[in-house]
Structures are given as C-alpha cells and as structure tokens.
Amino acid sequence: MTAETRRQELWGLLGRLPDRSQPVTATLLDRRLTEHYILETLVLELNGLEPVPACFTRPRGARGPLPTLLYHHAHGGFYDVGKLELVNGARYIANPPYAEAMASMHVNALCIDCWNFGQRRGRREHDLFAELLWKGQVLWGLMMFDAVRSVDYLVGRDDVDPARIATGGLSMGSTLAWWLAALDPRIKCVFDICCMTDFHALIDARGLGGHGIYYYVPSLLEHFTTAQINELICPRPHLSLNGNFDSLTPPAGLDRIDLALQAAYADAGAADNWRMVRRDIGHMETDEFRHEILAFLKRHL
C-alpha cells in the first residue's frame, strides 16, 4: 500500500469535513512594525464554518519569498492564549517567543487560533466535541483541516517560499505538527515537543485523561499506530523532543516509536532525517530543546 493510499485512509477517519475546493481568503486587520518583525493580524476564511484569526510575522527588512514556520499553539487549558503564543511565548515555552526566534533566522511564521482557542473560544470543549460528533464531524478532523488549509494560505502568499515550509509546536501543537506533516507532503520538515504519544502505551499507563477530548478520533486504533502515522512523514526531516518524566508520553511508547521510525528512515535511505531527543524533564521546552530546534531548522529549512 502506498503512502498516499494510507494518507487518504487517515483522512477518512476524520469525519465529515468542509469543501476544500473553496478559495482561502484573508482580511488584514492590522499591520505593525515591531523591533524584530512585521506583525500582521489577520482573519482567514479556511473552512466555511467560522472565521479563523491568525498572526503572521515577517522579519524586518526581508525581501523576496522566505522559508516559513507554521507554528501550532499548545492547549494546557489556556483557551485565551491561542495564536498569541507565537508572539508572546508562554511559561512552558523557552525564550524568546517563536516569532522573534524565527525573525532572527530570516524566517516567516504563521499561527492560527485553533478551534475553541483565542478569539474562537467561548464553548466548553466537551460540548463542542459532543455536538460535532452528533453531526458526523470530528473535532480533531476540523483542527487538521484548518492546519492543511493554513498551508494552502501560505503557498498563496508571494512572500512565502512554498518549497520551504516547516511546522512545529509543543503539546497539542506538537500533535498537530506531526499529524499535519503526515497528511500534507508540502511540509518540508517538522519538529514536535513533548507529545509524541504512543496510543497503546498511553492506554497501558491509564493516561487517557491527561489529553483533552479534542485528541480522540473514532476507530483510529483499528487502522493506525502512532508510529504508522509518523511513517507517512518519512523520509522528510523530523525532530522529536520529549521528556522522560512527561505523563503524556509514556517512556515505553517513546521507545517503540523511536525503534519503528529508525527502521523506516533507514529503509528509506534517510537515517539521518529522524532523531528523537529525550531528557529527564516533564512537559516543557527547555533551552537545550530550543537549541536543537534552531539547529534543525537551519539545517533543513
């Protein structure tokens, strides 16, 4: 079975999705010059269901199309943060915020408010999940749809190099990143921080309640393991950073994923493109992790 066939199988688990043939449009609400970058505040039309607020940053003085990071914010119960994590950072993210870090590397960045976060908040997550399920829709599917449509938006901008789009994030943002890279071959490279969770190990560790209900996809385990989803990224560069003390990523599951992806990348002749870094920490981005990520992006983006 080809990777594309498996990719379509994965899409098929994500419920009834909006029409992707509709054009992506953007409304510019504000554009301001900061110390390190130009900040655009946008409203994107991605899904035909509700507007999607977004932040786009471009390094000061930049010319021509640039590599771009599609950044995904975390969950943590901080529904008011959303896309602003890109520009303001967060207590679980190393300094400086990613918008500034990317500007220093001459890289654009985009972050959207995910469903129920930032300026899309106001509903209880459980209520939204349940309502969508009744309607034949899957919350995670709609989140992934918005992520892929964000790539559609980026490739349509003349200041973005469509061949040099990376994605990454922490926690929920981590999971969004590796799912997006699996579903969308246009992603050139991906990093994930503290959420490379083996589903079966999570069950064994009785840790399902640690993840928000948004995370769960009906019948997923009948079709895919975590490693099998991530194999759809191979042979593209993939850096995974995890904490051995993180209850959301049981260590036995990290072992299992690492072995499977080492084998997949070796079989593809791209052994150097997969790397898992583990440290005795909890659920956070450390300064060391940030150093690894910036080096990874310099090398592959």
C-alpha atoms as a PDB file:
ATOM      1  CA  MET A   1       0.000   0.000   0.000  1.00  0.00           C
ATOM      2  CA  THR A   2       1.411   3.385  -0.976  1.00  0.00           C
ATOM      3  CA  ALA A   3       1.940   6.267   1.416  1.00  0.00           C
ATOM      4  CA  GLU A   4      -0.703   8.265  -0.438  1.00  0.00           C
ATOM      5  CA  THR A   5      -3.246   5.475  -0.038  1.00  0.00           C
ATOM      6  CA  ARG A   6      -2.537   5.353   3.687  1.00  0.00           C
ATOM      7  CA  ARG A   7      -2.738   9.139   3.838  1.00  0.00           C
ATOM      8  CA  GLN A   8      -6.221   9.020   2.330  1.00  0.00           C
ATOM      9  CA  GLU A   9      -7.161   6.296   4.801  1.00  0.00           C
ATOM     10  CA  LEU A  10      -6.104   8.591   7.644  1.00  0.00           C
ATOM     11  CA  TRP A  11      -8.146  11.447   6.199  1.00  0.00           C
ATOM     12  CA  GLY A  12     -11.115   9.078   6.021  1.00  0.00           C
ATOM     13  CA  LEU A  13     -11.134   8.719   9.814  1.00  0.00           C
ATOM     14  CA  LEU A  14     -11.531  12.446  10.425  1.00  0.00           C
ATOM     15  CA  GLY A  15     -15.268  12.745   9.951  1.00  0.00           C
ATOM     16  CA  ARG A  16     -17.242  14.890   7.539  1.00  0.00           C
ATOM     17  CA  LEU A  17     -15.013  17.785   6.502  1.00  0.00           C
ATOM     18  CA  PRO A  18     -15.701  21.093   4.711  1.00  0.00           C
ATOM     19  CA  ASP A  19     -15.235  21.576   0.977  1.00  0.00           C
ATOM     20  CA  ARG A  20     -11.548  22.159   0.333  1.00  0.00           C
ATOM     21  CA  SER A  21     -12.176  23.444  -3.188  1.00  0.00           C
ATOM     22  CA  GLN A  22     -13.378  26.775  -1.829  1.00  0.00           C
ATOM     23  CA  PRO A  23     -10.714  29.517  -2.026  1.00  0.00           C
ATOM     24  CA  VAL A  24      -8.841  30.642   1.074  1.00  0.00           C
ATOM     25  CA  THR A  25      -9.267  34.351   1.719  1.00  0.00           C
ATOM     26  CA  ALA A  26      -7.661  36.688   4.228  1.00  0.00           C
ATOM     27  CA  THR A  27      -8.637  40.013   5.758  1.00  0.00           C
ATOM     28  CA  LEU A  28      -5.823  42.162   7.124  1.00  0.00           C
ATOM     29  CA  LEU A  29      -6.935  43.801  10.385  1.00  0.00           C
ATOM     30  CA  ASP A  30      -3.654  45.369  11.441  1.00  0.00           C
ATOM     31  CA  ARG A  31      -0.051  45.594  10.298  1.00  0.00           C
ATOM     32  CA  ARG A  32       2.592  46.961  12.608  1.00  0.00           C
ATOM     33  CA  LEU A  33       6.361  47.153  12.826  1.00  0.00           C
ATOM     34  CA  THR A  34       7.942  45.676  15.954  1.00  0.00           C
ATOM     35  CA  GLU A  35      11.594  45.545  16.973  1.00  0.00           C
ATOM     36  CA  HIS A  36      12.229  42.257  15.191  1.00  0.00           C
ATOM     37  CA  TYR A  37       9.470  41.724  12.618  1.00  0.00           C
ATOM     38  CA  ILE A  38       6.379  42.989  10.883  1.00  0.00           C
ATOM     39  CA  LEU A  39       3.267  41.623  12.602  1.00  0.00           C
ATOM     40  CA  GLU A  40       0.085  41.093  10.605  1.00  0.00           C
ATOM     41  CA  THR A  41      -3.173  40.428  12.429  1.00  0.00           C
ATOM     42  CA  LEU A  42      -5.457  38.508  10.083  1.00  0.00           C
ATOM     43  CA  VAL A  43      -8.807  36.793   9.801  1.00  0.00           C
ATOM     44  CA  LEU A  44      -8.645  33.799   7.472  1.00  0.00           C
ATOM     45  CA  GLU A  45     -11.548  32.012   5.802  1.00  0.00           C
ATOM     46  CA  LEU A  46     -10.377  28.416   5.822  1.00  0.00           C
ATOM     47  CA  ASN A  47     -13.379  26.195   6.420  1.00  0.00           C
ATOM     48  CA  GLY A  48     -16.667  27.910   5.550  1.00  0.00           C
ATOM     49  CA  LEU A  49     -17.877  27.353   9.111  1.00  0.00           C
ATOM     50  CA  GLU A  50     -16.289  30.097  11.190  1.00  0.00           C
ATOM     51  CA  PRO A  51     -13.571  32.742  10.711  1.00  0.00           C
ATOM     52  CA  VAL A  52     -10.032  31.867  11.820  1.00  0.00           C
ATOM     53  CA  PRO A  53      -7.980  34.636  13.491  1.00  0.00           C
ATOM     54  CA  ALA A  54      -4.256  34.426  12.768  1.00  0.00           C
ATOM     55  CA  CYS A  55      -0.891  36.128  13.265  1.00  0.00           C
ATOM     56  CA  PHE A  56       1.729  36.275  10.530  1.00  0.00           C
ATOM     57  CA  THR A  57       5.223  37.597  11.164  1.00  0.00           C
ATOM     58  CA  ARG A  58       7.899  38.571   8.654  1.00  0.00           C
ATOM     59  CA  PRO A  59      11.445  39.630   9.538  1.00  0.00           C
ATOM     60  CA  ARG A  60      12.154  43.338   9.275  1.00  0.00           C
ATOM     61  CA  GLY A  61      13.844  44.292   6.032  1.00  0.00           C
ATOM     62  CA  ALA A  62      13.151  40.942   4.387  1.00  0.00           C
ATOM     63  CA  ARG A  63      12.950  40.739   0.619  1.00  0.00           C
ATOM     64  CA  GLY A  64      11.526  38.053  -1.621  1.00  0.00           C
ATOM     65  CA  PRO A  65       9.941  34.736  -0.651  1.00  0.00           C
ATOM     66  CA  LEU A  66      11.220  33.330   2.656  1.00  0.00           C
ATOM     67  CA  PRO A  67      11.082  29.979   4.421  1.00  0.00           C
ATOM     68  CA  THR A  68       8.135  29.891   6.813  1.00  0.00           C
ATOM     69  CA  LEU A  69       7.216  28.132  10.051  1.00  0.00           C
ATOM     70  CA  LEU A  70       3.584  27.128  10.556  1.00  0.00           C
ATOM     71  CA  TYR A  71       3.529  27.170  14.356  1.00  0.00           C
ATOM     72  CA  HIS A  72       0.813  25.444  16.404  1.00  0.00           C
ATOM     73  CA  HIS A  73      -0.011  26.692  19.878  1.00  0.00           C
ATOM     74  CA  ALA A  74      -0.430  24.440  22.906  1.00  0.00           C
ATOM     75  CA  HIS A  75      -3.558  23.629  24.920  1.00  0.00           C
ATOM     76  CA  GLY A  76      -2.833  23.461  28.665  1.00  0.00           C
ATOM     77  CA  GLY A  77      -6.348  24.717  29.389  1.00  0.00           C
ATOM     78  CA  PHE A  78      -5.202  28.224  28.394  1.00  0.00           C
ATOM     79  CA  TYR A  79      -8.069  28.898  25.998  1.00  0.00           C
ATOM     80  CA  ASP A  80      -7.389  32.632  25.993  1.00  0.00           C
ATOM     81  CA  VAL A  81      -3.827  32.316  24.619  1.00  0.00           C
ATOM     82  CA  GLY A  82      -4.168  30.677  21.204  1.00  0.00           C
ATOM     83  CA  LYS A  83      -2.211  32.289  18.384  1.00  0.00           C
ATOM     84  CA  LEU A  84      -0.632  34.855  20.712  1.00  0.00           C
ATOM     85  CA  GLU A  85       1.724  32.132  21.934  1.00  0.00           C
ATOM     86  CA  LEU A  86       3.653  32.767  18.708  1.00  0.00           C
ATOM     87  CA  VAL A  87       4.404  36.394  19.592  1.00  0.00           C
ATOM     88  CA  ASN A  88       4.183  36.440  23.402  1.00  0.00           C
ATOM     89  CA  GLY A  89       5.515  32.991  24.292  1.00  0.00           C
ATOM     90  CA  ALA A  90       4.226  31.037  27.290  1.00  0.00           C
ATOM     91  CA  ARG A  91       5.527  29.694  30.576  1.00  0.00           C
ATOM     92  CA  TYR A  92       6.067  26.233  29.053  1.00  0.00           C
ATOM     93  CA  ILE A  93       7.950  27.656  26.015  1.00  0.00           C
ATOM     94  CA  ALA A  94      11.627  28.659  26.061  1.00  0.00           C
ATOM     95  CA  ASN A  95      12.619  32.247  25.324  1.00  0.00           C
ATOM     96  CA  PRO A  96      12.429  34.136  23.070  1.00  0.00           C
ATOM     97  CA  PRO A  97       8.938  33.568  21.601  1.00  0.00           C
ATOM     98  CA  TYR A  98       8.993  31.783  18.264  1.00  0.00           C
ATOM     99  CA  ALA A  99       8.128  34.882  16.238  1.00  0.00           C
ATOM    100  CA  GLU A 100      11.304  36.567  17.440  1.00  0.00           C
ATOM    101  CA  ALA A 101      13.395  33.410  17.125  1.00  0.00           C
ATOM    102  CA  MET A 102      12.251  32.905  13.530  1.00  0.00           C
ATOM    103  CA  ALA A 103      12.869  36.546  12.640  1.00  0.00           C
ATOM    104  CA  SER A 104      16.468  36.160  13.823  1.00  0.00           C
ATOM    105  CA  MET A 105      16.809  33.303  11.306  1.00  0.00           C
ATOM    106  CA  HIS A 106      15.133  35.269   8.496  1.00  0.00           C
ATOM    107  CA  VAL A 107      12.058  33.013   8.606  1.00  0.00           C
ATOM    108  CA  ASN A 108       8.374  33.986   8.446  1.00  0.00           C
ATOM    109  CA  ALA A 109       5.894  32.477  10.906  1.00  0.00           C
ATOM    110  CA  LEU A 110       2.134  31.890  10.985  1.00  0.00           C
ATOM    111  CA  CYS A 111      -0.076  30.761  13.863  1.00  0.00           C
ATOM    112  CA  ILE A 112      -3.866  30.446  13.865  1.00  0.00           C
ATOM    113  CA  ASP A 113      -6.326  30.239  16.738  1.00  0.00           C
ATOM    114  CA  CYS A 114      -7.321  26.565  16.852  1.00  0.00           C
ATOM    115  CA  TRP A 115     -10.961  25.622  17.347  1.00  0.00           C
ATOM    116  CA  ASN A 116     -12.112  26.893  20.771  1.00  0.00           C
ATOM    117  CA  PHE A 117      -8.947  28.922  21.488  1.00  0.00           C
ATOM    118  CA  GLY A 118      -8.043  32.599  21.381  1.00  0.00           C
ATOM    119  CA  GLN A 119     -10.752  34.566  19.627  1.00  0.00           C
ATOM    120  CA  ARG A 120     -12.591  31.323  18.801  1.00  0.00           C
ATOM    121  CA  ARG A 121     -13.146  30.447  22.469  1.00  0.00           C
ATOM    122  CA  GLY A 122     -16.423  30.550  24.411  1.00  0.00           C
ATOM    123  CA  ARG A 123     -17.666  26.950  24.237  1.00  0.00           C
ATOM    124  CA  ARG A 124     -16.798  24.136  26.600  1.00  0.00           C
ATOM    125  CA  GLU A 125     -14.517  21.700  24.810  1.00  0.00           C
ATOM    126  CA  HIS A 126     -16.658  18.712  25.782  1.00  0.00           C
ATOM    127  CA  ASP A 127     -19.792  20.416  24.431  1.00  0.00           C
ATOM    128  CA  LEU A 128     -18.126  21.237  21.117  1.00  0.00           C
ATOM    129  CA  PHE A 129     -16.756  17.698  20.751  1.00  0.00           C
ATOM    130  CA  ALA A 130     -20.164  16.152  21.510  1.00  0.00           C
ATOM    131  CA  GLU A 131     -22.110  18.457  19.195  1.00  0.00           C
ATOM    132  CA  LEU A 132     -19.772  17.771  16.312  1.00  0.00           C
ATOM    133  CA  LEU A 133     -19.926  14.017  16.919  1.00  0.00           C
ATOM    134  CA  TRP A 134     -23.721  14.135  16.673  1.00  0.00           C
ATOM    135  CA  LYS A 135     -23.309  15.922  13.337  1.00  0.00           C
ATOM    136  CA  GLY A 136     -20.906  13.319  11.963  1.00  0.00           C
ATOM    137  CA  GLN A 137     -17.877  15.524  12.470  1.00  0.00           C
ATOM    138  CA  VAL A 138     -14.694  15.020  14.484  1.00  0.00           C
ATOM    139  CA  LEU A 139     -13.138  17.957  16.326  1.00  0.00           C
ATOM    140  CA  TRP A 140      -9.615  16.739  15.581  1.00  0.00           C
ATOM    141  CA  GLY A 141     -10.576  16.405  11.920  1.00  0.00           C
ATOM    142  CA  LEU A 142     -11.679  20.037  11.770  1.00  0.00           C
ATOM    143  CA  MET A 143      -8.491  21.109  13.522  1.00  0.00           C
ATOM    144  CA  MET A 144      -6.412  19.213  10.978  1.00  0.00           C
ATOM    145  CA  PHE A 145      -8.485  20.637   8.132  1.00  0.00           C
ATOM    146  CA  ASP A 146      -7.690  24.178   9.328  1.00  0.00           C
ATOM    147  CA  ALA A 147      -3.996  23.266   9.575  1.00  0.00           C
ATOM    148  CA  VAL A 148      -3.855  21.981   5.986  1.00  0.00           C
ATOM    149  CA  ARG A 149      -5.807  24.993   4.768  1.00  0.00           C
ATOM    150  CA  SER A 150      -3.273  27.192   6.567  1.00  0.00           C
ATOM    151  CA  VAL A 151      -0.656  25.626   4.303  1.00  0.00           C
ATOM    152  CA  ASP A 152      -2.925  26.449   1.344  1.00  0.00           C
ATOM    153  CA  TYR A 153      -2.927  30.058   2.544  1.00  0.00           C
ATOM    154  CA  LEU A 154       0.854  30.171   2.940  1.00  0.00           C
ATOM    155  CA  VAL A 155       1.643  28.789  -0.508  1.00  0.00           C
ATOM    156  CA  GLY A 156      -0.564  31.502  -1.984  1.00  0.00           C
ATOM    157  CA  ARG A 157       1.464  34.351  -0.430  1.00  0.00           C
ATOM    158  CA  ASP A 158       4.175  35.844  -2.626  1.00  0.00           C
ATOM    159  CA  ASP A 159       6.437  36.399   0.403  1.00  0.00           C
ATOM    160  CA  VAL A 160       6.473  32.670   1.277  1.00  0.00           C
ATOM    161  CA  ASP A 161       8.710  30.098  -0.413  1.00  0.00           C
ATOM    162  CA  PRO A 162       6.245  27.188  -0.895  1.00  0.00           C
ATOM    163  CA  ALA A 163       9.068  24.651  -1.031  1.00  0.00           C
ATOM    164  CA  ARG A 164      10.377  25.671   2.402  1.00  0.00           C
ATOM    165  CA  ILE A 165       7.516  25.342   4.890  1.00  0.00           C
ATOM    166  CA  ALA A 166       8.213  23.800   8.294  1.00  0.00           C
ATOM    167  CA  THR A 167       5.808  23.048  11.112  1.00  0.00           C
ATOM    168  CA  GLY A 168       6.153  22.555  14.867  1.00  0.00           C
ATOM    169  CA  GLY A 169       4.767  23.153  18.325  1.00  0.00           C
ATOM    170  CA  LEU A 170       4.508  21.862  21.880  1.00  0.00           C
ATOM    171  CA  SER A 171       1.870  19.601  23.454  1.00  0.00           C
ATOM    172  CA  MET A 172      -1.332  19.936  21.398  1.00  0.00           C
ATOM    173  CA  GLY A 173       0.800  21.940  18.981  1.00  0.00           C
ATOM    174  CA  SER A 174       3.228  19.036  18.782  1.00  0.00           C
ATOM    175  CA  THR A 175       0.488  16.576  17.844  1.00  0.00           C
ATOM    176  CA  LEU A 176      -0.924  18.992  15.286  1.00  0.00           C
ATOM    177  CA  ALA A 177       2.553  19.300  13.775  1.00  0.00           C
ATOM    178  CA  TRP A 178       3.263  15.607  13.257  1.00  0.00           C
ATOM    179  CA  TRP A 179      -0.260  14.859  12.058  1.00  0.00           C
ATOM    180  CA  LEU A 180      -0.021  17.772   9.601  1.00  0.00           C
ATOM    181  CA  ALA A 181       3.336  16.605   8.269  1.00  0.00           C
ATOM    182  CA  ALA A 182       1.883  13.104   7.858  1.00  0.00           C
ATOM    183  CA  LEU A 183      -1.179  14.370   5.984  1.00  0.00           C
ATOM    184  CA  ASP A 184       0.468  17.083   3.881  1.00  0.00           C
ATOM    185  CA  PRO A 185       3.606  16.298   1.842  1.00  0.00           C
ATOM    186  CA  ARG A 186       4.158  20.021   1.270  1.00  0.00           C
ATOM    187  CA  ILE A 187       5.646  20.237   4.772  1.00  0.00           C
ATOM    188  CA  LYS A 188       9.411  20.146   4.271  1.00  0.00           C
ATOM    189  CA  CYS A 189      10.403  19.360   7.862  1.00  0.00           C
ATOM    190  CA  VAL A 190       8.755  19.043  11.268  1.00  0.00           C
ATOM    191  CA  PHE A 191       9.676  19.291  14.941  1.00  0.00           C
ATOM    192  CA  ASP A 192       7.458  18.194  17.812  1.00  0.00           C
ATOM    193  CA  ILE A 193       7.924  18.975  21.501  1.00  0.00           C
ATOM    194  CA  CYS A 194       6.524  16.810  24.304  1.00  0.00           C
ATOM    195  CA  CYS A 195       3.637  14.995  22.674  1.00  0.00           C
ATOM    196  CA  MET A 196       4.950  12.091  20.636  1.00  0.00           C
ATOM    197  CA  THR A 197       2.482   9.800  22.396  1.00  0.00           C
ATOM    198  CA  ASP A 198       2.172   6.122  21.573  1.00  0.00           C
ATOM    199  CA  PHE A 199      -1.569   5.488  21.824  1.00  0.00           C
ATOM    200  CA  HIS A 200      -1.278   1.922  23.091  1.00  0.00           C
ATOM    201  CA  ALA A 201       1.321   2.847  25.717  1.00  0.00           C
ATOM    202  CA  LEU A 202      -0.993   5.636  26.891  1.00  0.00           C
ATOM    203  CA  ILE A 203      -3.778   3.091  27.396  1.00  0.00           C
ATOM    204  CA  ASP A 204      -1.421   0.749  29.255  1.00  0.00           C
ATOM    205  CA  ALA A 205      -0.340   3.628  31.517  1.00  0.00           C
ATOM    206  CA  ARG A 206      -4.004   4.602  32.153  1.00  0.00           C
ATOM    207  CA  GLY A 207      -3.164   8.076  30.956  1.00  0.00           C
ATOM    208  CA  LEU A 208      -6.036   8.816  28.554  1.00  0.00           C
ATOM    209  CA  GLY A 209      -7.457  11.512  30.809  1.00  0.00           C
ATOM    210  CA  GLY A 210      -4.268  13.551  30.520  1.00  0.00           C
ATOM    211  CA  HIS A 211      -5.133  14.557  26.960  1.00  0.00           C
ATOM    212  CA  GLY A 212      -8.080  16.783  26.110  1.00  0.00           C
ATOM    213  CA  ILE A 213     -11.121  15.200  24.490  1.00  0.00           C
ATOM    214  CA  TYR A 214     -10.274  17.028  21.234  1.00  0.00           C
ATOM    215  CA  TYR A 215      -7.490  14.449  20.782  1.00  0.00           C
ATOM    216  CA  TYR A 216      -9.624  11.358  20.224  1.00  0.00           C
ATOM    217  CA  VAL A 217     -10.531  10.065  16.758  1.00  0.00           C
ATOM    218  CA  PRO A 218     -13.153   7.296  16.414  1.00  0.00           C
ATOM    219  CA  SER A 219     -11.769   3.927  15.270  1.00  0.00           C
ATOM    220  CA  LEU A 220      -8.225   5.274  14.885  1.00  0.00           C
ATOM    221  CA  LEU A 221      -6.573   2.296  16.579  1.00  0.00           C
ATOM    222  CA  GLU A 222      -8.200  -0.103  14.125  1.00  0.00           C
ATOM    223  CA  HIS A 223      -6.146   1.498  11.377  1.00  0.00           C
ATOM    224  CA  PHE A 224      -3.027   3.244  12.731  1.00  0.00           C
ATOM    225  CA  THR A 225      -0.486   3.250  15.488  1.00  0.00           C
ATOM    226  CA  THR A 226       1.348   6.453  16.346  1.00  0.00           C
ATOM    227  CA  ALA A 227       4.443   5.149  14.565  1.00  0.00           C
ATOM    228  CA  GLN A 228       2.445   4.330  11.433  1.00  0.00           C
ATOM    229  CA  ILE A 229       1.100   7.881  11.218  1.00  0.00           C
ATOM    230  CA  ASN A 230       4.623   9.239  11.594  1.00  0.00           C
ATOM    231  CA  GLU A 231       5.939   6.874   8.935  1.00  0.00           C
ATOM    232  CA  LEU A 232       3.922   8.948   6.445  1.00  0.00           C
ATOM    233  CA  ILE A 233       6.418  11.778   7.094  1.00  0.00           C
ATOM    234  CA  CYS A 234       9.401   9.619   6.101  1.00  0.00           C
ATOM    235  CA  PRO A 235      11.870  10.425   4.514  1.00  0.00           C
ATOM    236  CA  ARG A 236      11.353  14.143   5.298  1.00  0.00           C
ATOM    237  CA  PRO A 237      13.366  15.512   8.263  1.00  0.00           C
ATOM    238  CA  HIS A 238      11.683  15.013  11.637  1.00  0.00           C
ATOM    239  CA  LEU A 239      12.963  16.020  15.085  1.00  0.00           C
ATOM    240  CA  SER A 240      11.066  14.799  18.151  1.00  0.00           C
ATOM    241  CA  LEU A 241      11.884  16.165  21.628  1.00  0.00           C
ATOM    242  CA  ASN A 242      10.400  14.534  24.713  1.00  0.00           C
ATOM    243  CA  GLY A 243      10.604  14.367  28.500  1.00  0.00           C
ATOM    244  CA  ASN A 244      11.048  11.054  30.269  1.00  0.00           C
ATOM    245  CA  PHE A 245       9.022  12.427  33.205  1.00  0.00           C
ATOM    246  CA  ASP A 246       6.128  13.559  30.998  1.00  0.00           C
ATOM    247  CA  SER A 247       2.971  11.569  31.804  1.00  0.00           C
ATOM    248  CA  LEU A 248       1.550  12.420  28.364  1.00  0.00           C
ATOM    249  CA  THR A 249       4.328  10.459  26.631  1.00  0.00           C
ATOM    250  CA  PRO A 250       4.899   7.147  28.454  1.00  0.00           C
ATOM    251  CA  PRO A 251       8.573   6.117  28.055  1.00  0.00           C
ATOM    252  CA  ALA A 252       7.716   2.641  26.756  1.00  0.00           C
ATOM    253  CA  GLY A 253       5.818   4.280  23.926  1.00  0.00           C
ATOM    254  CA  LEU A 254       8.721   6.564  23.094  1.00  0.00           C
ATOM    255  CA  ASP A 255      10.974   3.509  22.872  1.00  0.00           C
ATOM    256  CA  ARG A 256       8.510   1.824  20.499  1.00  0.00           C
ATOM    257  CA  ILE A 257       8.127   4.850  18.221  1.00  0.00           C
ATOM    258  CA  ASP A 258      11.857   5.536  18.081  1.00  0.00           C
ATOM    259  CA  LEU A 259      12.682   1.965  17.048  1.00  0.00           C
ATOM    260  CA  ALA A 260       9.964   1.917  14.375  1.00  0.00           C
ATOM    261  CA  LEU A 261      10.997   5.237  12.856  1.00  0.00           C
ATOM    262  CA  GLN A 262      14.699   4.434  12.979  1.00  0.00           C
ATOM    263  CA  ALA A 263      13.877   1.367  10.875  1.00  0.00           C
ATOM    264  CA  ALA A 264      11.570   3.251   8.486  1.00  0.00           C
ATOM    265  CA  TYR A 265      14.086   6.023   7.833  1.00  0.00           C
ATOM    266  CA  ALA A 266      16.942   3.550   7.431  1.00  0.00           C
ATOM    267  CA  ASP A 267      14.901   1.566   4.890  1.00  0.00           C
ATOM    268  CA  ALA A 268      14.268   4.830   3.009  1.00  0.00           C
ATOM    269  CA  GLY A 269      17.981   5.638   2.927  1.00  0.00           C
ATOM    270  CA  ALA A 270      17.437   8.697   5.125  1.00  0.00           C
ATOM    271  CA  ALA A 271      18.558   7.530   8.562  1.00  0.00           C
ATOM    272  CA  ASP A 272      19.891  10.974   9.477  1.00  0.00           C
ATOM    273  CA  ASN A 273      16.487  12.598   8.914  1.00  0.00           C
ATOM    274  CA  TRP A 274      14.875  11.077  12.017  1.00  0.00           C
ATOM    275  CA  ARG A 275      16.026  11.992  15.512  1.00  0.00           C
ATOM    276  CA  MET A 276      14.405  11.629  18.906  1.00  0.00           C
ATOM    277  CA  VAL A 277      15.884  13.562  21.824  1.00  0.00           C
ATOM    278  CA  ARG A 278      14.849  12.596  25.364  1.00  0.00           C
ATOM    279  CA  ARG A 279      15.745  14.247  28.638  1.00  0.00           C
ATOM    280  CA  ASP A 280      14.748  13.690  32.271  1.00  0.00           C
ATOM    281  CA  ILE A 281      12.240  16.522  32.330  1.00  0.00           C
ATOM    282  CA  GLY A 282       8.475  16.993  32.276  1.00  0.00           C
ATOM    283  CA  HIS A 283       6.152  18.718  29.823  1.00  0.00           C
ATOM    284  CA  MET A 284       8.085  21.786  28.635  1.00  0.00           C
ATOM    285  CA  GLU A 285      10.505  23.213  26.097  1.00  0.00           C
ATOM    286  CA  THR A 286      13.949  23.649  27.631  1.00  0.00           C
ATOM    287  CA  ASP A 287      16.730  25.910  26.398  1.00  0.00           C
ATOM    288  CA  GLU A 288      18.508  22.774  25.163  1.00  0.00           C
ATOM    289  CA  PHE A 289      15.438  21.730  23.189  1.00  0.00           C
ATOM    290  CA  ARG A 290      15.258  25.191  21.624  1.00  0.00           C
ATOM    291  CA  HIS A 291      18.932  24.949  20.637  1.00  0.00           C
ATOM    292  CA  GLU A 292      18.215  21.599  18.958  1.00  0.00           C
ATOM    293  CA  ILE A 293      15.211  23.007  17.101  1.00  0.00           C
ATOM    294  CA  LEU A 294      17.007  26.059  15.742  1.00  0.00           C
ATOM    295  CA  ALA A 295      19.924  23.926  14.566  1.00  0.00           C
ATOM    296  CA  PHE A 296      17.457  21.526  12.915  1.00  0.00           C
ATOM    297  CA  LEU A 297      15.679  24.343  11.077  1.00  0.00           C
ATOM    298  CA  LYS A 298      18.961  25.896   9.944  1.00  0.00           C
ATOM    299  CA  ARG A 299      19.982  22.541   8.507  1.00  0.00           C
ATOM    300  CA  HIS A 300      16.737  21.520   6.826  1.00  0.00           C
ATOM    301  CA  LEU A 301      14.701  24.648   6.121  1.00  0.00           C
END
